[in-house]
ModelCIF file with pLDDT and N, C-alpha, C, O atoms, coordinates in Angstrom:
data_MODEL
#
_entry.id   MODEL 
#
_entity.id                         1 
_entity.type                       polymer 
_entity.pdbx_number_of_molecules   1 
#
_entity_poly.entity_id                      1 
_entity_poly.type                           'polypeptide(L)' 
_entity_poly.nstd_linkage                   no 
_entity_poly.nstd_monomer                   no 
_entity_poly.pdbx_seq_one_letter_code       HFHAGWFEETLSDFKCDAPISILRLDADWYASTILCL 
_entity_poly.pdbx_seq_one_letter_code_can   HFHAGWFEETLSDFKCDAPISILRLDADWYASTILCL 
_entity_poly.pdbx_strand_id                 A 
#
loop_
_entity_poly_seq.entity_id 
_entity_poly_seq.num 
_entity_poly_seq.mon_id 
_entity_poly_seq.hetero 
1 1  HIS n 
1 2  PHE n 
1 3  HIS n 
1 4  ALA n 
1 5  GLY n 
1 6  TRP n 
1 7  PHE n 
1 8  GLU n 
1 9  GLU n 
1 10 THR n 
1 11 LEU n 
1 12 SER n 
1 13 ASP n 
1 14 PHE n 
1 15 LYS n 
1 16 CYS n 
1 17 ASP n 
1 18 ALA n 
1 19 PRO n 
1 20 ILE n 
1 21 SER n 
1 22 ILE n 
1 23 LEU n 
1 24 ARG n 
1 25 LEU n 
1 26 ASP n 
1 27 ALA n 
1 28 ASP n 
1 29 TRP n 
1 30 TYR n 
1 31 ALA n 
1 32 SER n 
1 33 THR n 
1 34 ILE n 
1 35 LEU n 
1 36 CYS n 
1 37 LEU n 
#
_struct_asym.id          A 
_struct_asym.entity_id   1 
#
loop_
_ma_qa_metric.id 
_ma_qa_metric.mode 
_ma_qa_metric.name 
_ma_qa_metric.software_group_id 
_ma_qa_metric.type 
1 global pLDDT . pLDDT 
2 local  pLDDT . pLDDT 
#
_ma_qa_metric_global.metric_id      1 
_ma_qa_metric_global.metric_value   97.59 
_ma_qa_metric_global.model_id       1 
_ma_qa_metric_global.ordinal_id     1 
#
loop_
_ma_qa_metric_local.label_asym_id 
_ma_qa_metric_local.label_comp_id 
_ma_qa_metric_local.label_seq_id 
_ma_qa_metric_local.metric_id 
_ma_qa_metric_local.metric_value 
_ma_qa_metric_local.model_id 
_ma_qa_metric_local.ordinal_id 
A HIS 1  2 98.00 1 1  
A PHE 2  2 98.00 1 2  
A HIS 3  2 98.00 1 3  
A ALA 4  2 98.00 1 4  
A GLY 5  2 98.00 1 5  
A TRP 6  2 98.00 1 6  
A PHE 7  2 98.00 1 7  
A GLU 8  2 97.00 1 8  
A GLU 9  2 97.00 1 9  
A THR 10 2 98.00 1 10 
A LEU 11 2 98.00 1 11 
A SER 12 2 95.00 1 12 
A ASP 13 2 95.00 1 13 
A PHE 14 2 98.00 1 14 
A LYS 15 2 98.00 1 15 
A CYS 16 2 98.00 1 16 
A ASP 17 2 95.00 1 17 
A ALA 18 2 97.00 1 18 
A PRO 19 2 97.00 1 19 
A ILE 20 2 98.00 1 20 
A SER 21 2 98.00 1 21 
A ILE 22 2 98.00 1 22 
A LEU 23 2 98.00 1 23 
A ARG 24 2 98.00 1 24 
A LEU 25 2 98.00 1 25 
A ASP 26 2 98.00 1 26 
A ALA 27 2 97.00 1 27 
A ASP 28 2 97.00 1 28 
A TRP 29 2 98.00 1 29 
A TYR 30 2 98.00 1 30 
A ALA 31 2 98.00 1 31 
A SER 32 2 98.00 1 32 
A THR 33 2 98.00 1 33 
A ILE 34 2 98.00 1 34 
A LEU 35 2 98.00 1 35 
A CYS 36 2 98.00 1 36 
A LEU 37 2 98.00 1 37 
#
loop_
_atom_site.group_PDB 
_atom_site.id 
_atom_site.type_symbol 
_atom_site.label_atom_id 
_atom_site.label_alt_id 
_atom_site.label_comp_id 
_atom_site.label_asym_id 
_atom_site.label_entity_id 
_atom_site.label_seq_id 
_atom_site.pdbx_PDB_ins_code 
_atom_site.Cartn_x 
_atom_site.Cartn_y 
_atom_site.Cartn_z 
_atom_site.occupancy 
_atom_site.B_iso_or_equiv 
_atom_site.pdbx_formal_charge 
_atom_site.auth_seq_id 
_atom_site.auth_comp_id 
_atom_site.auth_asym_id 
_atom_site.auth_atom_id 
_atom_site.pdbx_PDB_model_num 
ATOM 1   N N  . HIS A 1 1  ? 4.499   -28.768 2.683  1.00 98.00 ? 1  HIS A N  1 
ATOM 2   C CA . HIS A 1 1  ? 4.856   -27.216 2.154  1.00 98.00 ? 1  HIS A CA 1 
ATOM 3   C C  . HIS A 1 1  ? 4.230   -26.431 3.280  1.00 98.00 ? 1  HIS A C  1 
ATOM 4   O O  . HIS A 1 1  ? 3.110   -26.518 3.783  1.00 98.00 ? 1  HIS A O  1 
ATOM 5   N N  . PHE A 1 2  ? 5.377   -25.546 3.573  1.00 98.00 ? 2  PHE A N  1 
ATOM 6   C CA . PHE A 1 2  ? 4.914   -24.537 4.701  1.00 98.00 ? 2  PHE A CA 1 
ATOM 7   C C  . PHE A 1 2  ? 4.618   -23.014 4.386  1.00 98.00 ? 2  PHE A C  1 
ATOM 8   O O  . PHE A 1 2  ? 5.486   -22.315 3.864  1.00 98.00 ? 2  PHE A O  1 
ATOM 9   N N  . HIS A 1 3  ? 3.268   -22.479 4.745  1.00 98.00 ? 3  HIS A N  1 
ATOM 10  C CA . HIS A 1 3  ? 2.945   -21.432 4.093  1.00 98.00 ? 3  HIS A CA 1 
ATOM 11  C C  . HIS A 1 3  ? 2.774   -20.343 5.510  1.00 98.00 ? 3  HIS A C  1 
ATOM 12  O O  . HIS A 1 3  ? 1.741   -20.248 6.172  1.00 98.00 ? 3  HIS A O  1 
ATOM 13  N N  . ALA A 1 4  ? 3.908   -19.665 5.735  1.00 98.00 ? 4  ALA A N  1 
ATOM 14  C CA . ALA A 1 4  ? 4.188   -18.769 6.528  1.00 98.00 ? 4  ALA A CA 1 
ATOM 15  C C  . ALA A 1 4  ? 3.810   -17.446 6.500  1.00 98.00 ? 4  ALA A C  1 
ATOM 16  O O  . ALA A 1 4  ? 4.394   -16.709 5.704  1.00 98.00 ? 4  ALA A O  1 
ATOM 17  N N  . GLY A 1 5  ? 2.730   -16.884 7.391  1.00 98.00 ? 5  GLY A N  1 
ATOM 18  C CA . GLY A 1 5  ? 2.145   -15.775 7.293  1.00 98.00 ? 5  GLY A CA 1 
ATOM 19  C C  . GLY A 1 5  ? 0.520   -15.687 7.624  1.00 98.00 ? 5  GLY A C  1 
ATOM 20  O O  . GLY A 1 5  ? -0.132  -16.716 7.799  1.00 98.00 ? 5  GLY A O  1 
ATOM 21  N N  . TRP A 1 6  ? 0.010   -14.551 7.684  1.00 98.00 ? 6  TRP A N  1 
ATOM 22  C CA . TRP A 1 6  ? -1.179  -14.276 8.263  1.00 98.00 ? 6  TRP A CA 1 
ATOM 23  C C  . TRP A 1 6  ? -2.264  -15.001 7.269  1.00 98.00 ? 6  TRP A C  1 
ATOM 24  O O  . TRP A 1 6  ? -1.991  -14.956 6.069  1.00 98.00 ? 6  TRP A O  1 
ATOM 25  N N  . PHE A 1 7  ? -3.387  -15.618 7.636  1.00 98.00 ? 7  PHE A N  1 
ATOM 26  C CA . PHE A 1 7  ? -4.159  -16.456 6.739  1.00 98.00 ? 7  PHE A CA 1 
ATOM 27  C C  . PHE A 1 7  ? -4.771  -15.744 5.421  1.00 98.00 ? 7  PHE A C  1 
ATOM 28  O O  . PHE A 1 7  ? -4.929  -16.199 4.288  1.00 98.00 ? 7  PHE A O  1 
ATOM 29  N N  . GLU A 1 8  ? -5.079  -14.383 5.996  1.00 97.00 ? 8  GLU A N  1 
ATOM 30  C CA . GLU A 1 8  ? -5.512  -13.478 4.742  1.00 97.00 ? 8  GLU A CA 1 
ATOM 31  C C  . GLU A 1 8  ? -4.660  -13.196 3.550  1.00 97.00 ? 8  GLU A C  1 
ATOM 32  O O  . GLU A 1 8  ? -4.989  -12.764 2.445  1.00 97.00 ? 8  GLU A O  1 
ATOM 33  N N  . GLU A 1 9  ? -3.242  -13.607 4.119  1.00 97.00 ? 9  GLU A N  1 
ATOM 34  C CA . GLU A 1 9  ? -2.134  -13.630 2.960  1.00 97.00 ? 9  GLU A CA 1 
ATOM 35  C C  . GLU A 1 9  ? -2.021  -14.850 2.247  1.00 97.00 ? 9  GLU A C  1 
ATOM 36  O O  . GLU A 1 9  ? -2.096  -14.858 1.018  1.00 97.00 ? 9  GLU A O  1 
ATOM 37  N N  . THR A 1 10 ? -1.835  -15.956 2.956  1.00 98.00 ? 10 THR A N  1 
ATOM 38  C CA . THR A 1 10 ? -1.407  -16.993 2.556  1.00 98.00 ? 10 THR A CA 1 
ATOM 39  C C  . THR A 1 10 ? -2.557  -17.917 1.801  1.00 98.00 ? 10 THR A C  1 
ATOM 40  O O  . THR A 1 10 ? -2.265  -18.818 1.015  1.00 98.00 ? 10 THR A O  1 
ATOM 41  N N  . LEU A 1 11 ? -3.882  -17.559 2.155  1.00 98.00 ? 11 LEU A N  1 
ATOM 42  C CA . LEU A 1 11 ? -4.944  -18.317 1.779  1.00 98.00 ? 11 LEU A CA 1 
ATOM 43  C C  . LEU A 1 11 ? -5.843  -17.559 0.781  1.00 98.00 ? 11 LEU A C  1 
ATOM 44  O O  . LEU A 1 11 ? -6.930  -18.013 0.424  1.00 98.00 ? 11 LEU A O  1 
ATOM 45  N N  . SER A 1 12 ? -5.374  -16.451 0.372  1.00 95.00 ? 12 SER A N  1 
ATOM 46  C CA . SER A 1 12 ? -5.968  -15.720 -0.409 1.00 95.00 ? 12 SER A CA 1 
ATOM 47  C C  . SER A 1 12 ? -6.332  -16.288 -1.832 1.00 95.00 ? 12 SER A C  1 
ATOM 48  O O  . SER A 1 12 ? -7.471  -16.143 -2.277 1.00 95.00 ? 12 SER A O  1 
ATOM 49  N N  . ASP A 1 13 ? -5.358  -16.929 -2.529 1.00 95.00 ? 13 ASP A N  1 
ATOM 50  C CA . ASP A 1 13 ? -5.412  -17.602 -3.817 1.00 95.00 ? 13 ASP A CA 1 
ATOM 51  C C  . ASP A 1 13 ? -4.904  -18.721 -3.698 1.00 95.00 ? 13 ASP A C  1 
ATOM 52  O O  . ASP A 1 13 ? -4.323  -19.125 -4.705 1.00 95.00 ? 13 ASP A O  1 
ATOM 53  N N  . PHE A 1 14 ? -4.912  -19.513 -2.641 1.00 98.00 ? 14 PHE A N  1 
ATOM 54  C CA . PHE A 1 14 ? -4.474  -20.952 -2.500 1.00 98.00 ? 14 PHE A CA 1 
ATOM 55  C C  . PHE A 1 14 ? -5.181  -22.033 -3.075 1.00 98.00 ? 14 PHE A C  1 
ATOM 56  O O  . PHE A 1 14 ? -6.325  -22.253 -2.677 1.00 98.00 ? 14 PHE A O  1 
ATOM 57  N N  . LYS A 1 15 ? -4.583  -22.859 -4.101 1.00 98.00 ? 15 LYS A N  1 
ATOM 58  C CA . LYS A 1 15 ? -5.183  -23.797 -4.894 1.00 98.00 ? 15 LYS A CA 1 
ATOM 59  C C  . LYS A 1 15 ? -4.599  -25.221 -4.512 1.00 98.00 ? 15 LYS A C  1 
ATOM 60  O O  . LYS A 1 15 ? -3.458  -25.467 -4.905 1.00 98.00 ? 15 LYS A O  1 
ATOM 61  N N  . CYS A 1 16 ? -5.186  -26.047 -3.881 1.00 98.00 ? 16 CYS A N  1 
ATOM 62  C CA . CYS A 1 16 ? -4.368  -27.160 -3.168 1.00 98.00 ? 16 CYS A CA 1 
ATOM 63  C C  . CYS A 1 16 ? -3.774  -28.039 -4.514 1.00 98.00 ? 16 CYS A C  1 
ATOM 64  O O  . CYS A 1 16 ? -4.374  -27.986 -5.588 1.00 98.00 ? 16 CYS A O  1 
ATOM 65  N N  . ASP A 1 17 ? -2.740  -28.715 -4.370 1.00 95.00 ? 17 ASP A N  1 
ATOM 66  C CA . ASP A 1 17 ? -2.263  -29.541 -5.173 1.00 95.00 ? 17 ASP A CA 1 
ATOM 67  C C  . ASP A 1 17 ? -2.863  -30.761 -5.317 1.00 95.00 ? 17 ASP A C  1 
ATOM 68  O O  . ASP A 1 17 ? -2.374  -31.484 -6.185 1.00 95.00 ? 17 ASP A O  1 
ATOM 69  N N  . ALA A 1 18 ? -3.734  -31.153 -4.735 1.00 97.00 ? 18 ALA A N  1 
ATOM 70  C CA . ALA A 1 18 ? -4.467  -32.284 -4.551 1.00 97.00 ? 18 ALA A CA 1 
ATOM 71  C C  . ALA A 1 18 ? -5.737  -32.222 -3.966 1.00 97.00 ? 18 ALA A C  1 
ATOM 72  O O  . ALA A 1 18 ? -5.830  -31.369 -3.084 1.00 97.00 ? 18 ALA A O  1 
ATOM 73  N N  . PRO A 1 19 ? -6.838  -32.942 -4.222 1.00 97.00 ? 19 PRO A N  1 
ATOM 74  C CA . PRO A 1 19 ? -8.102  -32.829 -3.457 1.00 97.00 ? 19 PRO A CA 1 
ATOM 75  C C  . PRO A 1 19 ? -7.726  -32.995 -1.662 1.00 97.00 ? 19 PRO A C  1 
ATOM 76  O O  . PRO A 1 19 ? -6.773  -33.624 -1.201 1.00 97.00 ? 19 PRO A O  1 
ATOM 77  N N  . ILE A 1 20 ? -8.628  -32.343 -0.986 1.00 98.00 ? 20 ILE A N  1 
ATOM 78  C CA . ILE A 1 20 ? -8.089  -32.418 0.343  1.00 98.00 ? 20 ILE A CA 1 
ATOM 79  C C  . ILE A 1 20 ? -9.122  -33.425 1.007  1.00 98.00 ? 20 ILE A C  1 
ATOM 80  O O  . ILE A 1 20 ? -10.329 -33.368 0.771  1.00 98.00 ? 20 ILE A O  1 
ATOM 81  N N  . SER A 1 21 ? -8.546  -34.338 1.847  1.00 98.00 ? 21 SER A N  1 
ATOM 82  C CA . SER A 1 21 ? -9.625  -35.324 2.524  1.00 98.00 ? 21 SER A CA 1 
ATOM 83  C C  . SER A 1 21 ? -9.390  -35.058 4.094  1.00 98.00 ? 21 SER A C  1 
ATOM 84  O O  . SER A 1 21 ? -10.151 -35.618 4.883  1.00 98.00 ? 21 SER A O  1 
ATOM 85  N N  . ILE A 1 22 ? -8.453  -34.297 4.535  1.00 98.00 ? 22 ILE A N  1 
ATOM 86  C CA . ILE A 1 22 ? -8.231  -34.064 5.972  1.00 98.00 ? 22 ILE A CA 1 
ATOM 87  C C  . ILE A 1 22 ? -8.032  -32.564 6.120  1.00 98.00 ? 22 ILE A C  1 
ATOM 88  O O  . ILE A 1 22 ? -6.929  -32.143 5.773  1.00 98.00 ? 22 ILE A O  1 
ATOM 89  N N  . LEU A 1 23 ? -8.921  -31.691 6.579  1.00 98.00 ? 23 LEU A N  1 
ATOM 90  C CA . LEU A 1 23 ? -8.756  -30.388 6.823  1.00 98.00 ? 23 LEU A CA 1 
ATOM 91  C C  . LEU A 1 23 ? -9.022  -30.070 8.301  1.00 98.00 ? 23 LEU A C  1 
ATOM 92  O O  . LEU A 1 23 ? -10.135 -30.064 8.828  1.00 98.00 ? 23 LEU A O  1 
ATOM 93  N N  . ARG A 1 24 ? -7.866  -29.810 8.891  1.00 98.00 ? 24 ARG A N  1 
ATOM 94  C CA . ARG A 1 24 ? -7.690  -29.552 10.455 1.00 98.00 ? 24 ARG A CA 1 
ATOM 95  C C  . ARG A 1 24 ? -7.641  -28.040 10.726 1.00 98.00 ? 24 ARG A C  1 
ATOM 96  O O  . ARG A 1 24 ? -6.665  -27.438 10.279 1.00 98.00 ? 24 ARG A O  1 
ATOM 97  N N  . LEU A 1 25 ? -8.523  -27.393 11.363 1.00 98.00 ? 25 LEU A N  1 
ATOM 98  C CA . LEU A 1 25 ? -8.518  -26.178 11.781 1.00 98.00 ? 25 LEU A CA 1 
ATOM 99  C C  . LEU A 1 25 ? -8.123  -25.889 13.112 1.00 98.00 ? 25 LEU A C  1 
ATOM 100 O O  . LEU A 1 25 ? -8.920  -26.269 13.970 1.00 98.00 ? 25 LEU A O  1 
ATOM 101 N N  . ASP A 1 26 ? -7.195  -25.369 13.467 1.00 98.00 ? 26 ASP A N  1 
ATOM 102 C CA . ASP A 1 26 ? -6.695  -24.624 14.730 1.00 98.00 ? 26 ASP A CA 1 
ATOM 103 C C  . ASP A 1 26 ? -6.410  -23.403 14.853 1.00 98.00 ? 26 ASP A C  1 
ATOM 104 O O  . ASP A 1 26 ? -5.406  -22.933 15.389 1.00 98.00 ? 26 ASP A O  1 
ATOM 105 N N  . ALA A 1 27 ? -7.570  -22.667 14.201 1.00 97.00 ? 27 ALA A N  1 
ATOM 106 C CA . ALA A 1 27 ? -7.536  -21.122 13.770 1.00 97.00 ? 27 ALA A CA 1 
ATOM 107 C C  . ALA A 1 27 ? -7.975  -20.198 15.239 1.00 97.00 ? 27 ALA A C  1 
ATOM 108 O O  . ALA A 1 27 ? -7.589  -19.034 15.350 1.00 97.00 ? 27 ALA A O  1 
ATOM 109 N N  . ASP A 1 28 ? -8.646  -20.733 16.106 1.00 97.00 ? 28 ASP A N  1 
ATOM 110 C CA . ASP A 1 28 ? -8.942  -20.065 17.401 1.00 97.00 ? 28 ASP A CA 1 
ATOM 111 C C  . ASP A 1 28 ? -9.931  -19.020 17.079 1.00 97.00 ? 28 ASP A C  1 
ATOM 112 O O  . ASP A 1 28 ? -11.079 -19.287 17.435 1.00 97.00 ? 28 ASP A O  1 
ATOM 113 N N  . TRP A 1 29 ? -9.759  -17.957 16.521 1.00 98.00 ? 29 TRP A N  1 
ATOM 114 C CA . TRP A 1 29 ? -10.664 -17.002 16.571 1.00 98.00 ? 29 TRP A CA 1 
ATOM 115 C C  . TRP A 1 29 ? -11.801 -16.967 15.476 1.00 98.00 ? 29 TRP A C  1 
ATOM 116 O O  . TRP A 1 29 ? -11.755 -17.874 14.644 1.00 98.00 ? 29 TRP A O  1 
ATOM 117 N N  . TYR A 1 30 ? -12.678 -16.167 15.383 1.00 98.00 ? 30 TYR A N  1 
ATOM 118 C CA . TYR A 1 30 ? -13.771 -16.125 14.553 1.00 98.00 ? 30 TYR A CA 1 
ATOM 119 C C  . TYR A 1 30 ? -13.222 -15.670 13.097 1.00 98.00 ? 30 TYR A C  1 
ATOM 120 O O  . TYR A 1 30 ? -13.475 -16.444 12.174 1.00 98.00 ? 30 TYR A O  1 
ATOM 121 N N  . ALA A 1 31 ? -12.549 -14.580 12.823 1.00 98.00 ? 31 ALA A N  1 
ATOM 122 C CA . ALA A 1 31 ? -12.214 -14.003 11.618 1.00 98.00 ? 31 ALA A CA 1 
ATOM 123 C C  . ALA A 1 31 ? -11.272 -15.255 10.957 1.00 98.00 ? 31 ALA A C  1 
ATOM 124 O O  . ALA A 1 31 ? -11.364 -15.689 9.808  1.00 98.00 ? 31 ALA A O  1 
ATOM 125 N N  . SER A 1 32 ? -10.393 -15.681 11.960 1.00 98.00 ? 32 SER A N  1 
ATOM 126 C CA . SER A 1 32 ? -9.389  -16.583 11.188 1.00 98.00 ? 32 SER A CA 1 
ATOM 127 C C  . SER A 1 32 ? -10.123 -17.896 10.556 1.00 98.00 ? 32 SER A C  1 
ATOM 128 O O  . SER A 1 32 ? -9.933  -18.410 9.454  1.00 98.00 ? 32 SER A O  1 
ATOM 129 N N  . THR A 1 33 ? -11.003 -18.270 11.575 1.00 98.00 ? 33 THR A N  1 
ATOM 130 C CA . THR A 1 33 ? -11.784 -19.632 11.067 1.00 98.00 ? 33 THR A CA 1 
ATOM 131 C C  . THR A 1 33 ? -12.612 -19.283 9.933  1.00 98.00 ? 33 THR A C  1 
ATOM 132 O O  . THR A 1 33 ? -12.615 -20.169 9.079  1.00 98.00 ? 33 THR A O  1 
ATOM 133 N N  . ILE A 1 34 ? -13.277 -18.326 9.673  1.00 98.00 ? 34 ILE A N  1 
ATOM 134 C CA . ILE A 1 34 ? -14.010 -17.950 8.644  1.00 98.00 ? 34 ILE A CA 1 
ATOM 135 C C  . ILE A 1 34 ? -13.056 -18.012 7.290  1.00 98.00 ? 34 ILE A C  1 
ATOM 136 O O  . ILE A 1 34 ? -13.370 -18.643 6.281  1.00 98.00 ? 34 ILE A O  1 
ATOM 137 N N  . LEU A 1 35 ? -11.820 -17.236 7.448  1.00 98.00 ? 35 LEU A N  1 
ATOM 138 C CA . LEU A 1 35 ? -11.038 -17.324 6.281  1.00 98.00 ? 35 LEU A CA 1 
ATOM 139 C C  . LEU A 1 35 ? -10.750 -18.709 5.896  1.00 98.00 ? 35 LEU A C  1 
ATOM 140 O O  . LEU A 1 35 ? -10.928 -19.108 4.745  1.00 98.00 ? 35 LEU A O  1 
ATOM 141 N N  . CYS A 1 36 ? -10.299 -19.458 6.859  1.00 98.00 ? 36 CYS A N  1 
ATOM 142 C CA . CYS A 1 36 ? -9.899  -20.968 6.597  1.00 98.00 ? 36 CYS A CA 1 
ATOM 143 C C  . CYS A 1 36 ? -11.035 -21.818 5.869  1.00 98.00 ? 36 CYS A C  1 
ATOM 144 O O  . CYS A 1 36 ? -10.837 -22.713 5.048  1.00 98.00 ? 36 CYS A O  1 
ATOM 145 N N  . LEU A 1 37 ? -12.252 -21.363 6.330  1.00 98.00 ? 37 LEU A N  1 
ATOM 146 C CA . LEU A 1 37 ? -13.499 -22.136 5.715  1.00 98.00 ? 37 LEU A CA 1 
ATOM 147 C C  . LEU A 1 37 ? -13.694 -21.782 4.376  1.00 98.00 ? 37 LEU A C  1 
ATOM 148 O O  . LEU A 1 37 ? -14.617 -22.283 3.733  1.00 98.00 ? 37 LEU A O  1 
#
């Protein structure tokens, strides 16, 4: 599943279709990493 767009848009209400066992962050900056977490 491809979620194209800035994290504040694509992650704002994201609920995964299954429990997550691998979460890999390559978000670089502070604000982006915080949003992902």
